Each structure stands twice: as C-alpha cells, then as structure tokens.
Amino acid sequence: MDCSDYPISSYIARCAQLAMCLEVSSSPKPGNIDRYDDYDDTRYEHFLASAISIHPVIEEASLCSSGVGRLIKNAVTESVTWQKGGNTHFGAIILLVPMAMAAGKIILKNKEFTIAELTECTKKIVSKANSADATDFYRCFEAAGVKVNPVDDFDLKDEESISRLEKDDVSLYSLMEIASSYDLIANEWINGFKRCSDCADMIIRGMDNDLLNGKLNADINHIVAYIFLKILSENEDTFITTKFDTETANYVSKRAKEILEHLNNSESNFNDMLPAIRNLNSELLERKINPGSTADIIIAGLFIALLKGVRY
C-alpha cells in the first residue's frame, strides 16, 4: 500500500471518493444508474457530484474516534448540497464514515493491515455510537429524501422520535440492532461488515486473476459488475424491499442467480453473459427497480480494496 507523500487522511478520503465513482461508473449493474443509464430525476452526474462533495467529511472522519452520527449527517448534508438528484449515497455514507474512522486509526499506526483488522476496528467504533449519534442520524433522513418503512418504535416519520431518543438515551447502535432484521446496511453494522469484507476480498482476488476460474479477466469494470450480481443473488436488497416489497426483491435476486448459475455451469465466460445481464438491466430500469443497498455494499468493498492498495 502506497499512501504517497500526502497525509493519511487525504489518502483515505480519496479512496472513498474513488470507490463511489468506480461503483456508479461500472456497467452493467441491473437497475442502477451507471455511465450509460440515468433515471428521470437522478443522473450519473449527480452521483459524481456527491462522491466529490464528501471529501472533507471523510478526511475529518479519518482523524476522529467518535461522533459517527455527526459525521454521517455532515456527509449527507454535503452530498445533497452539491447536487439536485436527491438521495445518491445515503447507505454508502453509513458504511464509509465508520470505516474511514477505523482506517485512520489503524493506518496511522501501521500502513499494512488486514481486512479483518479493519472491519473489527469499525465494529468497535459503531458499537460505541451513542444517543447523540442517534439524534444526528435521524436528522439526516429528511435532508436526504430517504424513503423508509413505518416501524412500531422510533418511527422516522414520528416527530416525537428524536425527543424520545434523547430522553431514553437510545444509542445509534441500538437503532441499528432494531433495523438489522429488515435493512441490509444496518445488518452490516451489527454483523461486523461481513458482506463488505467479502466484497473487498473478491475485488482483490479478481484483480489478481483469481476469480471465476479464468472466466473473468482482471478488468475492474467487469469485476464490479460480476460481484454486484453475486451479492444481489445471495441477499435480499432491502432498498428494493422498501420501495416495493420482499417479493420483488426476491425476484431480482432469483434473476441474478439464474445468470450466475448459467455462467458457472457452462463453458461461457463473463463476456458471454453480458447480453443476459443487459436484458435484466433493461427490465429493472423500465420497472424502476434499483438495488441500491447492493450498490452500497459494493462501494464499501471497493473502499477497503483501494485502501489495501488495489490499482487497475
């Protein structure tokens, strides 16, 4: 890993920005915005603006050991201030901020680290997120325009929720525990960022030509597209569930799994599967089904891989 002659905080921030740019630029990723596909109100350029805008917050986060809620709120504020496309990176920010905090703590001591060390440190940081962090986090949602499901306790649509958080001293980590059963990003906080670390490992292996038994070249774009499908095939994308329902999310996972099963059980390589992936992409775009949570996991995985020194 080469951090160059600039401060570690700058290195970490640039890794986060590049991760966000690489994810949105990769294609095809069925249903999501990329370099070729936009939505009516949100465009590829909005995601680029969001990625560039959060640099100072990620840089600050890499120097902090607490205040994760405030940092998430500040990153979300920067994101929506610099573009008019609405919620672009909310879930990714929830993952990137504590990871940047952990990266700063680890890399300042020792430039070499394992993925397990980074995710373990991140888990320790989020486990200490307190009620002040919870209050700051709740204030993000209206600004970001994030769609949420109604819940029985601490409903984001209930104006009394913030005062109850403060009164009952409810921590942000506790809120993530509550949400972990129905939200993929919250589940990462509670379960040690396993999907993020697995994603990073696959990216590193892919760039070393050690993925899919030679059926996938060390092409960062196709590696991201493949891993996107793999994660989508194995997990219910809760962004889809929130916007539509579980049945729709499971349908998308099933379609992704079918493509990968054909790839694994035939002589086809990844390039041969591109028409099928593009067909699924066209269907999901037409139905406005976007696997946003899967994209957030990809961003976090790219961030870790870039921190580890992956270059393309």
Foldseek 3Di string as FASTA:
>chain_A
DDQDPDDPLQSLLVLLLVLQLLLQQFDDQALGHHPVDAAPQGHSVLSNQLSVQLSVLLSVLLVDLADLLQSLLVSLLSSVVRDPSFADFSLLSNLSSLLSVLLSVPCVVPLDDALLSSLVSSLVSQVPAWLVSVLSNLVSCVSRVAQADADDALGSVDPCSNVVSVVVGGGPLNVLVVCLVQAVSSVCSVVSVVLLSVLLVQLVCQLVVNPLVNLHHNDNSLSLSLSLLVVQLVDQLSSLCRVPRSVVSNVSSVLSVVLVVCCNPDPHGSVVSNVSSVVSNVVSNVVSRHSVNSSSSSSSSSSVNVSNPDDD
